[in-house]
Amino acid sequence: MSQKFITSIAAIFVIGFFSLVAKADDHEPSIYTQLGGTYNIALTVDHLVDKIYVNNALNKNPALKAVHDAAHTKAGFKVMLTNWVVERTGGPKIYQPDEFGRGKDMKQSHPHLNITDREFDIIMIECLHTFYAFDVPDHLILPIMADLQSFRGDIVTKPTKGYKSPYNSPYNGIAK
């Protein structure tokens, strides 16, 4: 694989949990285009989800462990997350809820998982490791991580009183 291809793959994660603005400005191609499109995004999401599903710290949360242990959830989650990231980065609008209630917005999708601030940060760390594993340039990592941070309030459904995240930043979404 070429260095550019690998860089493109990793930059996307997100993720998940992670929304990005379609264009940084009027002169730059969309993030979706810069990352090489759906296949590169799918490869990165595949890597990230594999890491999240076996993370021992995340699997201490019984609700997350139940999802991770259910054999049928992983492949479907990869598809849904890939579709979400594709759309959020400026690609085709292919993310939509299914008839079983999956694919809702972040706030509606996470209450049953009882995700804590610490677990959210662990997911952030897995994202960062994915970016580093695929040699994503630093100038792409900051806006992606800041955007993920902007979803903390929707994803964390069991806040940790007094918890101070090392990922708090002055950004609220993608820095322009």
N, C-alpha and C. Protein backbone atom coordinates (compact mmCIF):
# COMPACT_ATOMS: atom_id res chain seq x y z
N MET A 1 0.83 -1.18 0.00
CA MET A 1 0.00 0.00 0.00
C MET A 1 0.87 1.24 0.00
N SER A 2 0.46 2.25 -0.74
CA SER A 2 1.23 3.48 -0.77
C SER A 2 1.03 4.27 0.52
N GLN A 3 2.00 5.11 0.82
CA GLN A 3 1.92 5.94 2.03
C GLN A 3 0.70 6.84 1.97
N LYS A 4 0.41 7.41 0.80
CA LYS A 4 -0.74 8.30 0.67
C LYS A 4 -2.04 7.54 0.92
N PHE A 5 -2.13 6.32 0.40
CA PHE A 5 -3.33 5.50 0.61
C PHE A 5 -3.51 5.20 2.09
N ILE A 6 -2.45 4.81 2.75
CA ILE A 6 -2.52 4.48 4.17
C ILE A 6 -2.90 5.72 4.97
N THR A 7 -2.32 6.85 4.64
CA THR A 7 -2.66 8.09 5.32
C THR A 7 -4.13 8.42 5.13
N SER A 8 -4.62 8.25 3.93
CA SER A 8 -6.02 8.53 3.66
C SER A 8 -6.95 7.65 4.46
N ILE A 9 -6.61 6.40 4.57
CA ILE A 9 -7.45 5.45 5.29
C ILE A 9 -7.60 5.87 6.74
N ALA A 10 -6.52 6.13 7.38
CA ALA A 10 -6.55 6.37 8.80
C ALA A 10 -7.22 7.68 9.17
N ALA A 11 -7.11 8.65 8.35
CA ALA A 11 -7.62 9.96 8.71
C ALA A 11 -9.12 9.94 8.95
N ILE A 12 -9.79 8.99 8.44
CA ILE A 12 -11.22 9.03 8.50
C ILE A 12 -11.84 8.60 9.79
N PHE A 13 -11.21 7.88 10.47
CA PHE A 13 -12.06 7.15 11.35
C PHE A 13 -13.24 7.76 11.63
N VAL A 14 -12.87 7.88 12.26
CA VAL A 14 -13.64 8.28 13.23
C VAL A 14 -14.22 7.50 13.90
N ILE A 15 -13.90 6.65 14.71
CA ILE A 15 -14.73 7.14 14.83
C ILE A 15 -16.05 7.30 15.24
N GLY A 16 -15.59 6.60 15.63
CA GLY A 16 -17.38 7.01 15.72
C GLY A 16 -17.89 7.68 16.20
N PHE A 17 -17.56 7.25 15.87
CA PHE A 17 -18.43 8.16 16.52
C PHE A 17 -18.22 9.55 16.01
N PHE A 18 -17.70 9.91 14.73
CA PHE A 18 -17.07 11.17 14.53
C PHE A 18 -17.57 11.85 13.27
N SER A 19 -18.09 13.12 13.38
CA SER A 19 -18.68 13.94 12.34
C SER A 19 -17.66 14.96 11.85
N LEU A 20 -17.62 15.15 10.55
CA LEU A 20 -16.70 16.13 9.99
C LEU A 20 -17.43 17.03 9.00
N VAL A 21 -16.99 18.23 8.90
CA VAL A 21 -17.55 19.17 7.94
C VAL A 21 -17.11 18.75 6.54
N ALA A 22 -18.00 18.85 5.60
CA ALA A 22 -17.71 18.37 4.25
C ALA A 22 -16.54 19.09 3.60
N LYS A 23 -16.41 20.37 3.80
CA LYS A 23 -15.31 21.11 3.20
C LYS A 23 -14.67 22.02 4.23
N ALA A 24 -13.35 22.07 4.22
CA ALA A 24 -12.64 22.97 5.12
C ALA A 24 -12.81 24.41 4.65
N ASP A 25 -12.77 24.64 3.37
CA ASP A 25 -13.10 25.93 2.77
C ASP A 25 -13.47 25.68 1.32
N ASP A 26 -13.79 26.73 0.61
CA ASP A 26 -14.28 26.57 -0.76
C ASP A 26 -13.21 26.09 -1.74
N HIS A 27 -11.94 26.12 -1.37
CA HIS A 27 -10.87 25.76 -2.29
C HIS A 27 -10.34 24.36 -2.07
N GLU A 28 -10.69 23.75 -0.99
CA GLU A 28 -10.20 22.40 -0.70
C GLU A 28 -11.26 21.37 -1.05
N PRO A 29 -10.81 20.21 -1.52
CA PRO A 29 -11.78 19.13 -1.74
C PRO A 29 -12.33 18.66 -0.39
N SER A 30 -13.45 17.99 -0.43
CA SER A 30 -14.04 17.47 0.80
C SER A 30 -13.06 16.52 1.48
N ILE A 31 -13.27 16.34 2.77
CA ILE A 31 -12.45 15.39 3.51
C ILE A 31 -12.64 14.00 2.92
N TYR A 32 -13.86 13.68 2.54
CA TYR A 32 -14.17 12.40 1.90
C TYR A 32 -13.25 12.18 0.69
N THR A 33 -13.14 13.19 -0.16
CA THR A 33 -12.29 13.10 -1.34
C THR A 33 -10.82 13.00 -0.96
N GLN A 34 -10.39 13.80 0.01
CA GLN A 34 -8.99 13.77 0.43
C GLN A 34 -8.60 12.40 0.99
N LEU A 35 -9.56 11.71 1.57
CA LEU A 35 -9.27 10.40 2.15
C LEU A 35 -9.37 9.27 1.13
N GLY A 36 -9.81 9.56 -0.05
CA GLY A 36 -9.85 8.54 -1.08
C GLY A 36 -11.17 7.82 -1.21
N GLY A 37 -12.21 8.30 -0.54
CA GLY A 37 -13.54 7.75 -0.73
C GLY A 37 -13.92 6.61 0.19
N THR A 38 -15.00 5.97 -0.18
CA THR A 38 -15.66 4.97 0.66
C THR A 38 -14.76 3.79 1.02
N TYR A 39 -14.01 3.25 0.08
CA TYR A 39 -13.21 2.06 0.38
C TYR A 39 -12.13 2.36 1.42
N ASN A 40 -11.48 3.50 1.29
CA ASN A 40 -10.47 3.87 2.28
C ASN A 40 -11.10 4.10 3.65
N ILE A 41 -12.24 4.73 3.66
CA ILE A 41 -12.95 4.96 4.92
C ILE A 41 -13.35 3.63 5.54
N ALA A 42 -13.87 2.72 4.74
CA ALA A 42 -14.29 1.41 5.25
C ALA A 42 -13.12 0.64 5.85
N LEU A 43 -11.96 0.72 5.23
CA LEU A 43 -10.79 0.02 5.76
C LEU A 43 -10.38 0.57 7.12
N THR A 44 -10.42 1.87 7.26
CA THR A 44 -10.07 2.50 8.54
C THR A 44 -11.10 2.16 9.61
N VAL A 45 -12.37 2.24 9.28
CA VAL A 45 -13.42 1.89 10.24
C VAL A 45 -13.28 0.44 10.66
N ASP A 46 -12.97 -0.43 9.72
CA ASP A 46 -12.77 -1.85 10.03
C ASP A 46 -11.70 -2.02 11.10
N HIS A 47 -10.58 -1.35 10.92
CA HIS A 47 -9.47 -1.42 11.89
C HIS A 47 -9.91 -0.89 13.25
N LEU A 48 -10.54 0.27 13.26
CA LEU A 48 -10.94 0.90 14.51
C LEU A 48 -11.95 0.05 15.27
N VAL A 49 -12.97 -0.43 14.60
CA VAL A 49 -14.00 -1.23 15.27
C VAL A 49 -13.39 -2.51 15.84
N ASP A 50 -12.48 -3.13 15.11
CA ASP A 50 -11.80 -4.32 15.65
C ASP A 50 -11.10 -3.99 16.97
N LYS A 51 -10.45 -2.84 17.04
CA LYS A 51 -9.74 -2.43 18.26
C LYS A 51 -10.72 -2.14 19.40
N ILE A 52 -11.81 -1.48 19.09
CA ILE A 52 -12.80 -1.13 20.12
C ILE A 52 -13.45 -2.39 20.70
N TYR A 53 -13.76 -3.35 19.86
CA TYR A 53 -14.47 -4.55 20.31
C TYR A 53 -13.64 -5.41 21.25
N VAL A 54 -12.32 -5.32 21.18
CA VAL A 54 -11.48 -6.15 22.07
C VAL A 54 -10.81 -5.34 23.17
N ASN A 55 -11.17 -4.08 23.30
CA ASN A 55 -10.54 -3.25 24.32
C ASN A 55 -11.03 -3.67 25.71
N ASN A 56 -10.11 -4.15 26.54
CA ASN A 56 -10.47 -4.66 27.87
C ASN A 56 -11.11 -3.60 28.75
N ALA A 57 -10.62 -2.38 28.69
CA ALA A 57 -11.20 -1.32 29.52
C ALA A 57 -12.64 -1.02 29.11
N LEU A 58 -12.91 -0.98 27.82
CA LEU A 58 -14.28 -0.75 27.36
C LEU A 58 -15.19 -1.93 27.72
N ASN A 59 -14.64 -3.12 27.66
CA ASN A 59 -15.45 -4.31 27.94
C ASN A 59 -15.73 -4.52 29.42
N LYS A 60 -15.21 -3.65 30.28
CA LYS A 60 -15.61 -3.67 31.70
C LYS A 60 -17.02 -3.10 31.87
N ASN A 61 -17.47 -2.34 30.89
CA ASN A 61 -18.84 -1.82 30.89
C ASN A 61 -19.73 -2.96 30.39
N PRO A 62 -20.62 -3.50 31.24
CA PRO A 62 -21.43 -4.65 30.85
C PRO A 62 -22.28 -4.42 29.59
N ALA A 63 -22.77 -3.21 29.41
CA ALA A 63 -23.60 -2.92 28.23
C ALA A 63 -22.75 -2.98 26.95
N LEU A 64 -21.55 -2.41 26.99
CA LEU A 64 -20.66 -2.48 25.83
C LEU A 64 -20.22 -3.92 25.58
N LYS A 65 -19.87 -4.62 26.64
CA LYS A 65 -19.42 -6.01 26.50
C LYS A 65 -20.50 -6.87 25.85
N ALA A 66 -21.74 -6.67 26.24
CA ALA A 66 -22.84 -7.44 25.65
C ALA A 66 -22.93 -7.21 24.14
N VAL A 67 -22.76 -5.96 23.73
CA VAL A 67 -22.77 -5.65 22.29
C VAL A 67 -21.56 -6.28 21.62
N HIS A 68 -20.39 -6.14 22.23
CA HIS A 68 -19.17 -6.67 21.64
C HIS A 68 -19.15 -8.19 21.57
N ASP A 69 -19.81 -8.84 22.52
CA ASP A 69 -19.84 -10.31 22.54
C ASP A 69 -20.88 -10.90 21.59
N ALA A 70 -21.83 -10.11 21.16
CA ALA A 70 -22.86 -10.61 20.25
C ALA A 70 -22.27 -10.71 18.84
N ALA A 71 -22.16 -11.91 18.34
CA ALA A 71 -21.46 -12.17 17.08
C ALA A 71 -22.02 -11.37 15.90
N HIS A 72 -23.29 -11.09 15.91
CA HIS A 72 -23.92 -10.44 14.76
C HIS A 72 -23.75 -8.92 14.72
N THR A 73 -23.22 -8.30 15.76
CA THR A 73 -23.20 -6.84 15.80
C THR A 73 -22.02 -6.20 15.07
N LYS A 74 -20.89 -6.86 15.06
CA LYS A 74 -19.67 -6.22 14.57
C LYS A 74 -19.74 -5.84 13.09
N ALA A 75 -20.11 -6.75 12.24
CA ALA A 75 -20.15 -6.45 10.80
C ALA A 75 -21.16 -5.34 10.50
N GLY A 76 -22.31 -5.42 11.13
CA GLY A 76 -23.33 -4.39 10.91
C GLY A 76 -22.90 -3.02 11.40
N PHE A 77 -22.23 -3.00 12.57
CA PHE A 77 -21.74 -1.73 13.11
C PHE A 77 -20.71 -1.12 12.16
N LYS A 78 -19.86 -1.94 11.59
CA LYS A 78 -18.86 -1.43 10.64
C LYS A 78 -19.54 -0.78 9.43
N VAL A 79 -20.60 -1.40 8.94
CA VAL A 79 -21.33 -0.84 7.80
C VAL A 79 -21.97 0.49 8.18
N MET A 80 -22.68 0.51 9.31
CA MET A 80 -23.36 1.73 9.74
C MET A 80 -22.36 2.86 9.99
N LEU A 81 -21.26 2.56 10.68
CA LEU A 81 -20.27 3.58 10.98
C LEU A 81 -19.59 4.08 9.71
N THR A 82 -19.28 3.18 8.80
CA THR A 82 -18.70 3.59 7.52
C THR A 82 -19.65 4.53 6.79
N ASN A 83 -20.91 4.17 6.70
CA ASN A 83 -21.89 5.02 6.02
C ASN A 83 -21.99 6.40 6.67
N TRP A 84 -21.97 6.41 8.00
CA TRP A 84 -22.05 7.67 8.74
C TRP A 84 -20.85 8.56 8.44
N VAL A 85 -19.66 7.97 8.49
CA VAL A 85 -18.44 8.74 8.25
C VAL A 85 -18.39 9.22 6.80
N VAL A 86 -18.75 8.36 5.86
CA VAL A 86 -18.78 8.77 4.45
C VAL A 86 -19.65 10.02 4.28
N GLU A 87 -20.85 9.97 4.81
CA GLU A 87 -21.77 11.10 4.66
C GLU A 87 -21.26 12.34 5.38
N ARG A 88 -20.77 12.18 6.60
CA ARG A 88 -20.35 13.33 7.40
C ARG A 88 -19.09 13.99 6.86
N THR A 89 -18.31 13.30 6.05
CA THR A 89 -17.09 13.88 5.50
C THR A 89 -17.29 14.44 4.10
N GLY A 90 -18.53 14.47 3.64
CA GLY A 90 -18.81 15.08 2.35
C GLY A 90 -19.06 14.10 1.23
N GLY A 91 -19.16 12.82 1.53
CA GLY A 91 -19.45 11.81 0.51
C GLY A 91 -20.94 11.65 0.30
N PRO A 92 -21.31 10.59 -0.40
CA PRO A 92 -22.73 10.34 -0.66
C PRO A 92 -23.55 10.24 0.62
N LYS A 93 -24.77 10.65 0.55
CA LYS A 93 -25.68 10.62 1.71
C LYS A 93 -26.28 9.22 1.81
N ILE A 94 -25.55 8.33 2.50
CA ILE A 94 -25.95 6.92 2.57
C ILE A 94 -26.25 6.45 3.99
N TYR A 95 -26.13 7.31 4.97
CA TYR A 95 -26.40 6.92 6.35
C TYR A 95 -27.85 7.21 6.68
N GLN A 96 -28.56 6.19 7.12
CA GLN A 96 -29.95 6.39 7.52
C GLN A 96 -30.36 5.28 8.48
N PRO A 97 -31.30 5.58 9.36
CA PRO A 97 -31.77 4.55 10.29
C PRO A 97 -32.40 3.38 9.53
N ASP A 98 -32.25 2.19 10.10
CA ASP A 98 -32.90 1.03 9.50
C ASP A 98 -34.20 0.72 10.23
N GLU A 99 -34.91 -0.26 9.78
CA GLU A 99 -36.21 -0.59 10.36
C GLU A 99 -36.11 -1.16 11.76
N PHE A 100 -34.89 -1.49 12.20
CA PHE A 100 -34.68 -2.06 13.53
C PHE A 100 -34.26 -1.00 14.55
N GLY A 101 -34.22 0.26 14.12
CA GLY A 101 -33.90 1.35 15.03
C GLY A 101 -32.42 1.68 15.12
N ARG A 102 -31.60 1.03 14.32
CA ARG A 102 -30.17 1.37 14.32
C ARG A 102 -29.93 2.50 13.34
N GLY A 103 -28.86 3.24 13.56
CA GLY A 103 -28.51 4.31 12.65
C GLY A 103 -29.15 5.65 12.99
N LYS A 104 -29.53 5.83 14.23
CA LYS A 104 -30.09 7.11 14.67
C LYS A 104 -28.95 8.09 14.91
N ASP A 105 -29.30 9.30 15.35
CA ASP A 105 -28.24 10.26 15.67
C ASP A 105 -27.53 9.81 16.95
N MET A 106 -26.41 10.45 17.25
CA MET A 106 -25.57 10.03 18.38
C MET A 106 -26.32 10.03 19.71
N LYS A 107 -27.12 11.04 19.95
CA LYS A 107 -27.83 11.15 21.23
C LYS A 107 -28.85 10.02 21.40
N GLN A 108 -29.53 9.65 20.35
CA GLN A 108 -30.52 8.58 20.42
C GLN A 108 -29.89 7.18 20.40
N SER A 109 -28.69 7.06 19.88
CA SER A 109 -28.05 5.75 19.71
C SER A 109 -27.33 5.23 20.95
N HIS A 110 -27.04 6.07 21.92
CA HIS A 110 -26.13 5.66 22.99
C HIS A 110 -26.68 5.51 24.41
N PRO A 111 -27.89 5.93 24.73
CA PRO A 111 -28.32 5.86 26.14
C PRO A 111 -28.21 4.49 26.78
N HIS A 112 -28.55 3.44 26.06
CA HIS A 112 -28.53 2.09 26.63
C HIS A 112 -27.13 1.55 26.89
N LEU A 113 -26.10 2.24 26.41
CA LEU A 113 -24.72 1.75 26.57
C LEU A 113 -24.05 2.26 27.84
N ASN A 114 -24.65 3.24 28.50
CA ASN A 114 -24.10 3.77 29.76
C ASN A 114 -22.62 4.14 29.64
N ILE A 115 -22.27 4.84 28.60
CA ILE A 115 -20.88 5.21 28.35
C ILE A 115 -20.47 6.34 29.28
N THR A 116 -19.33 6.15 29.95
CA THR A 116 -18.78 7.14 30.87
C THR A 116 -17.82 8.07 30.13
N ASP A 117 -17.44 9.14 30.81
CA ASP A 117 -16.43 10.04 30.24
C ASP A 117 -15.12 9.30 29.99
N ARG A 118 -14.74 8.45 30.92
CA ARG A 118 -13.49 7.69 30.77
C ARG A 118 -13.57 6.78 29.55
N GLU A 119 -14.69 6.10 29.37
CA GLU A 119 -14.85 5.21 28.21
C GLU A 119 -14.84 6.01 26.91
N PHE A 120 -15.43 7.19 26.93
CA PHE A 120 -15.37 8.05 25.75
C PHE A 120 -13.92 8.38 25.42
N ASP A 121 -13.13 8.69 26.45
CA ASP A 121 -11.72 8.99 26.22
C ASP A 121 -10.95 7.78 25.71
N ILE A 122 -11.32 6.59 26.16
CA ILE A 122 -10.67 5.37 25.66
C ILE A 122 -10.95 5.22 24.17
N ILE A 123 -12.17 5.51 23.76
CA ILE A 123 -12.50 5.46 22.33
C ILE A 123 -11.68 6.51 21.58
N MET A 124 -11.53 7.69 22.17
CA MET A 124 -10.69 8.73 21.56
C MET A 124 -9.25 8.22 21.39
N ILE A 125 -8.75 7.53 22.40
CA ILE A 125 -7.39 6.98 22.32
C ILE A 125 -7.29 5.96 21.19
N GLU A 126 -8.29 5.10 21.07
CA GLU A 126 -8.28 4.11 19.97
C GLU A 126 -8.30 4.82 18.62
N CYS A 127 -9.05 5.91 18.53
CA CYS A 127 -9.04 6.70 17.29
C CYS A 127 -7.65 7.24 17.01
N LEU A 128 -7.05 7.83 18.02
CA LEU A 128 -5.72 8.40 17.86
C LEU A 128 -4.71 7.32 17.47
N HIS A 129 -4.78 6.16 18.11
CA HIS A 129 -3.89 5.05 17.75
C HIS A 129 -4.10 4.63 16.29
N THR A 130 -5.35 4.64 15.86
CA THR A 130 -5.64 4.30 14.46
C THR A 130 -5.00 5.32 13.53
N PHE A 131 -5.14 6.59 13.86
CA PHE A 131 -4.53 7.63 13.02
C PHE A 131 -3.02 7.45 12.96
N TYR A 132 -2.40 7.19 14.10
CA TYR A 132 -0.95 6.99 14.12
C TYR A 132 -0.55 5.72 13.37
N ALA A 133 -1.33 4.66 13.51
CA ALA A 133 -1.01 3.40 12.83
C ALA A 133 -1.01 3.59 11.31
N PHE A 134 -1.85 4.49 10.82
CA PHE A 134 -1.94 4.74 9.39
C PHE A 134 -1.22 6.02 8.97
N ASP A 135 -0.42 6.57 9.88
CA ASP A 135 0.42 7.73 9.60
C ASP A 135 -0.37 8.94 9.07
N VAL A 136 -1.47 9.23 9.73
CA VAL A 136 -2.27 10.40 9.36
C VAL A 136 -1.49 11.66 9.75
N PRO A 137 -1.42 12.63 8.87
CA PRO A 137 -0.70 13.87 9.19
C PRO A 137 -1.33 14.60 10.38
N ASP A 138 -0.48 15.21 11.17
CA ASP A 138 -0.95 15.93 12.37
C ASP A 138 -2.00 16.98 12.05
N HIS A 139 -1.86 17.67 10.93
CA HIS A 139 -2.82 18.74 10.61
C HIS A 139 -4.23 18.20 10.35
N LEU A 140 -4.38 16.92 10.11
CA LEU A 140 -5.71 16.32 9.98
C LEU A 140 -6.21 15.76 11.31
N ILE A 141 -5.29 15.34 12.14
CA ILE A 141 -5.68 14.72 13.41
C ILE A 141 -6.40 15.72 14.32
N LEU A 142 -5.87 16.92 14.47
CA LEU A 142 -6.46 17.90 15.39
C LEU A 142 -7.93 18.18 15.08
N PRO A 143 -8.29 18.52 13.85
CA PRO A 143 -9.71 18.79 13.61
C PRO A 143 -10.60 17.56 13.77
N ILE A 144 -10.10 16.40 13.44
CA ILE A 144 -10.90 15.19 13.62
C ILE A 144 -11.13 14.92 15.10
N MET A 145 -10.08 15.03 15.91
CA MET A 145 -10.22 14.79 17.35
C MET A 145 -11.10 15.85 17.99
N ALA A 146 -10.97 17.10 17.56
CA ALA A 146 -11.83 18.16 18.10
C ALA A 146 -13.29 17.90 17.75
N ASP A 147 -13.53 17.40 16.56
CA ASP A 147 -14.89 17.11 16.16
C ASP A 147 -15.47 15.96 16.98
N LEU A 148 -14.68 14.95 17.21
CA LEU A 148 -15.13 13.84 18.06
C LEU A 148 -15.48 14.37 19.45
N GLN A 149 -14.63 15.21 19.98
CA GLN A 149 -14.87 15.79 21.31
C GLN A 149 -16.22 16.52 21.35
N SER A 150 -16.62 17.10 20.24
CA SER A 150 -17.89 17.83 20.22
C SER A 150 -19.10 16.91 20.40
N PHE A 151 -18.93 15.61 20.26
CA PHE A 151 -20.01 14.65 20.45
C PHE A 151 -20.05 14.07 21.86
N ARG A 152 -19.14 14.47 22.72
CA ARG A 152 -19.08 13.92 24.08
C ARG A 152 -20.45 14.01 24.77
N GLY A 153 -21.09 15.15 24.71
CA GLY A 153 -22.36 15.33 25.40
C GLY A 153 -23.48 14.43 24.88
N ASP A 154 -23.39 14.00 23.64
CA ASP A 154 -24.40 13.11 23.07
C ASP A 154 -24.11 11.64 23.36
N ILE A 155 -22.84 11.29 23.42
CA ILE A 155 -22.44 9.88 23.56
C ILE A 155 -22.30 9.46 25.01
N VAL A 156 -21.78 10.35 25.86
CA VAL A 156 -21.62 10.02 27.28
C VAL A 156 -23.00 10.09 27.94
N THR A 157 -23.47 8.94 28.39
CA THR A 157 -24.79 8.87 29.02
C THR A 157 -24.69 8.57 30.51
N LYS A 158 -23.48 8.38 30.98
CA LYS A 158 -23.24 8.15 32.41
C LYS A 158 -22.03 9.02 32.81
N PRO A 159 -22.25 10.34 32.90
CA PRO A 159 -21.14 11.25 33.19
C PRO A 159 -20.46 10.92 34.52
N THR A 160 -19.17 11.15 34.55
CA THR A 160 -18.38 10.91 35.75
C THR A 160 -18.19 12.24 36.46
N LYS A 161 -18.81 12.38 37.63
CA LYS A 161 -18.73 13.63 38.39
C LYS A 161 -17.27 13.96 38.69
N GLY A 162 -16.88 15.18 38.37
CA GLY A 162 -15.54 15.66 38.65
C GLY A 162 -14.48 15.18 37.67
N TYR A 163 -14.84 14.39 36.68
CA TYR A 163 -13.86 13.87 35.72
C TYR A 163 -13.35 14.99 34.83
N LYS A 164 -12.05 15.04 34.65
CA LYS A 164 -11.42 16.03 33.78
C LYS A 164 -10.76 15.30 32.61
N SER A 165 -11.35 15.40 31.46
CA SER A 165 -10.82 14.71 30.29
C SER A 165 -9.55 15.38 29.79
N PRO A 166 -8.54 14.58 29.46
CA PRO A 166 -7.34 15.16 28.86
C PRO A 166 -7.59 15.62 27.42
N TYR A 167 -8.75 15.31 26.89
CA TYR A 167 -9.06 15.68 25.51
C TYR A 167 -9.88 16.94 25.37
N ASN A 168 -10.19 17.60 26.48
CA ASN A 168 -10.90 18.86 26.35
C ASN A 168 -10.02 19.83 25.58
N SER A 169 -10.62 20.50 24.64
CA SER A 169 -9.86 21.44 23.82
C SER A 169 -10.69 22.70 23.61
N PRO A 170 -10.07 23.77 23.15
CA PRO A 170 -10.81 25.00 22.91
C PRO A 170 -11.71 24.92 21.68
N TYR A 171 -11.61 23.83 20.91
CA TYR A 171 -12.39 23.70 19.69
C TYR A 171 -13.75 23.10 19.98
N ASN A 172 -14.73 23.53 19.23
CA ASN A 172 -16.06 22.92 19.30
C ASN A 172 -16.41 22.51 17.87
N GLY A 173 -15.96 21.35 17.48
CA GLY A 173 -16.16 20.88 16.12
C GLY A 173 -14.92 21.15 15.29
N ILE A 174 -15.06 21.11 14.01
CA ILE A 174 -13.93 21.27 13.11
C ILE A 174 -13.44 22.71 13.13
N ALA A 175 -12.13 22.85 13.33
CA ALA A 175 -11.52 24.19 13.28
C ALA A 175 -11.38 24.59 11.82
N LYS A 176 -11.77 25.80 11.52
CA LYS A 176 -11.69 26.25 10.13
C LYS A 176 -10.57 27.23 9.97
